[in-house]
């Protein structure tokens, strides 16, 4: 009985825990879009089907996900998203390719500002 109660409580806790995702999209014009969500599949569909003509991805569809990272703490996800948004295109591409040596080299350069894409 104790095991069943523990299992039930664990399942209830797991349901309450949300994951937050930081993601990078490759847009049809070759630019990147970086964002955060708690429902990655839903968010990608929103990017591809949105009626909001003011959104960055509206005229750059279709978009496809090229990177995602999962977080349980939303503050960690927000910090990671902000950090990536400040990166250069080359640095984002190194992250997407999981080329951590190149990422390290690019991190050691003086310029940490982004060039163009969010």
Protein backbone atom coordinates (compact mmCIF):
# COMPACT_ATOMS: atom_id res chain seq x y z
CA UNK A 1 0.00 0.00 0.00
CA UNK A 2 2.84 2.41 0.83
CA UNK A 3 4.43 1.78 -2.58
CA UNK A 4 1.16 2.55 -4.39
CA UNK A 5 0.70 5.78 -2.43
CA UNK A 6 4.27 6.83 -3.19
CA UNK A 7 3.85 6.01 -6.88
CA UNK A 8 0.59 7.97 -7.05
CA UNK A 9 2.12 11.03 -5.36
CA UNK A 10 5.16 10.84 -7.63
CA UNK A 11 2.90 10.73 -10.70
CA UNK A 12 0.97 13.75 -9.43
CA UNK A 13 4.19 15.70 -8.87
CA UNK A 14 5.48 14.76 -12.31
CA UNK A 15 2.29 16.06 -13.91
CA UNK A 16 2.71 19.39 -12.12
CA UNK A 17 6.31 19.81 -13.30
CA UNK A 18 6.46 21.72 -16.54
CA UNK A 19 9.24 21.75 -19.03
CA UNK A 20 10.28 24.96 -20.72
CA UNK A 21 12.04 24.91 -24.05
CA UNK A 22 14.46 27.32 -25.63
CA UNK A 23 14.47 26.79 -29.36
CA UNK A 24 16.02 28.10 -32.55
CA UNK A 25 14.06 28.07 -35.79
CA UNK A 26 15.53 28.20 -39.26
CA UNK A 27 13.32 30.46 -41.33
CA UNK A 28 12.74 30.10 -45.07
CA UNK A 29 14.91 33.18 -45.73
CA UNK A 30 17.85 31.57 -43.90
CA UNK A 31 17.56 33.70 -40.76
CA UNK A 32 17.22 32.30 -37.26
CA UNK A 33 14.54 32.96 -34.69
CA UNK A 34 15.17 32.17 -31.01
CA UNK A 35 12.29 31.71 -28.61
CA UNK A 36 10.98 30.08 -25.46
CA UNK A 37 7.85 28.01 -24.85
CA UNK A 38 6.34 25.38 -22.58
CA UNK A 39 4.85 23.46 -25.54
CA UNK A 40 7.34 23.05 -28.36
CA UNK A 41 5.07 21.30 -30.89
CA UNK A 42 2.25 23.76 -30.34
CA UNK A 43 4.60 26.72 -30.67
CA UNK A 44 6.12 25.52 -33.96
CA UNK A 45 2.60 25.09 -35.38
CA UNK A 46 1.77 28.62 -34.22
CA UNK A 47 4.84 29.99 -36.01
CA UNK A 48 3.87 28.21 -39.22
CA UNK A 49 0.14 29.03 -39.08
CA UNK A 50 -0.05 32.42 -37.34
CA UNK A 51 -2.22 35.17 -38.78
CA UNK A 52 -0.15 37.88 -37.05
CA UNK A 53 1.50 39.73 -39.94
CA UNK A 54 3.70 41.64 -37.48
CA UNK A 55 5.44 38.52 -36.16
CA UNK A 56 9.05 37.93 -37.23
CA UNK A 57 8.31 34.52 -38.73
CA UNK A 58 5.12 35.47 -40.65
CA UNK A 59 6.89 36.28 -43.95
CA UNK A 60 9.65 33.77 -43.31
CA UNK A 61 7.58 30.58 -43.35
CA UNK A 62 7.84 27.72 -43.33
CA UNK A 63 10.09 27.50 -40.30
CA UNK A 64 11.75 24.40 -38.94
CA UNK A 65 13.25 23.71 -35.57
CA UNK A 66 17.01 23.24 -35.62
CA UNK A 67 17.78 23.40 -31.88
CA UNK A 68 15.95 22.90 -28.63
CA UNK A 69 16.95 22.65 -24.98
CA UNK A 70 14.66 21.64 -22.14
CA UNK A 71 14.57 23.27 -18.70
CA UNK A 72 12.50 22.62 -15.60
CA UNK A 73 13.20 26.06 -14.16
CA UNK A 74 11.62 28.82 -16.27
CA UNK A 75 14.19 31.37 -15.07
CA UNK A 76 17.02 29.21 -16.41
CA UNK A 77 15.21 28.96 -19.74
CA UNK A 78 14.72 32.73 -19.92
CA UNK A 79 18.39 33.37 -19.18
CA UNK A 80 19.49 30.86 -21.85
CA UNK A 81 17.15 32.39 -24.44
CA UNK A 82 18.45 35.90 -23.72
CA UNK A 83 22.04 34.70 -23.94
CA UNK A 84 21.49 33.01 -27.31
CA UNK A 85 19.66 36.06 -28.68
CA UNK A 86 22.82 38.09 -28.05
CA UNK A 87 25.02 35.70 -30.02
CA UNK A 88 26.35 36.05 -33.53
CA UNK A 89 25.00 33.89 -36.32
CA UNK A 90 28.23 31.84 -36.34
CA UNK A 91 27.92 31.15 -32.64
CA UNK A 92 24.28 30.06 -33.03
CA UNK A 93 25.30 27.76 -35.88
CA UNK A 94 28.02 26.18 -33.74
CA UNK A 95 25.42 25.50 -31.04
CA UNK A 96 23.00 24.03 -33.60
CA UNK A 97 25.76 21.76 -34.94
CA UNK A 98 26.80 20.87 -31.38
CA UNK A 99 30.31 21.99 -32.31
CA UNK A 100 31.37 22.88 -28.79
CA UNK A 101 35.02 23.48 -29.73
CA UNK A 102 33.95 26.13 -32.25
CA UNK A 103 31.47 27.54 -29.76
CA UNK A 104 34.28 27.87 -27.23
CA UNK A 105 36.52 29.64 -29.78
CA UNK A 106 33.76 32.03 -30.74
CA UNK A 107 33.01 32.72 -27.07
CA UNK A 108 36.58 33.83 -26.52
CA UNK A 109 36.36 36.50 -29.23
CA UNK A 110 35.73 40.08 -28.14
CA UNK A 111 32.53 40.60 -30.16
CA UNK A 112 29.48 38.99 -28.55
CA UNK A 113 26.81 40.98 -30.35
CA UNK A 114 24.24 39.52 -32.70
CA UNK A 115 24.13 40.29 -36.38
CA UNK A 116 20.60 40.50 -37.65
CA UNK A 117 18.45 37.65 -36.44
CA UNK A 118 16.69 37.16 -33.15
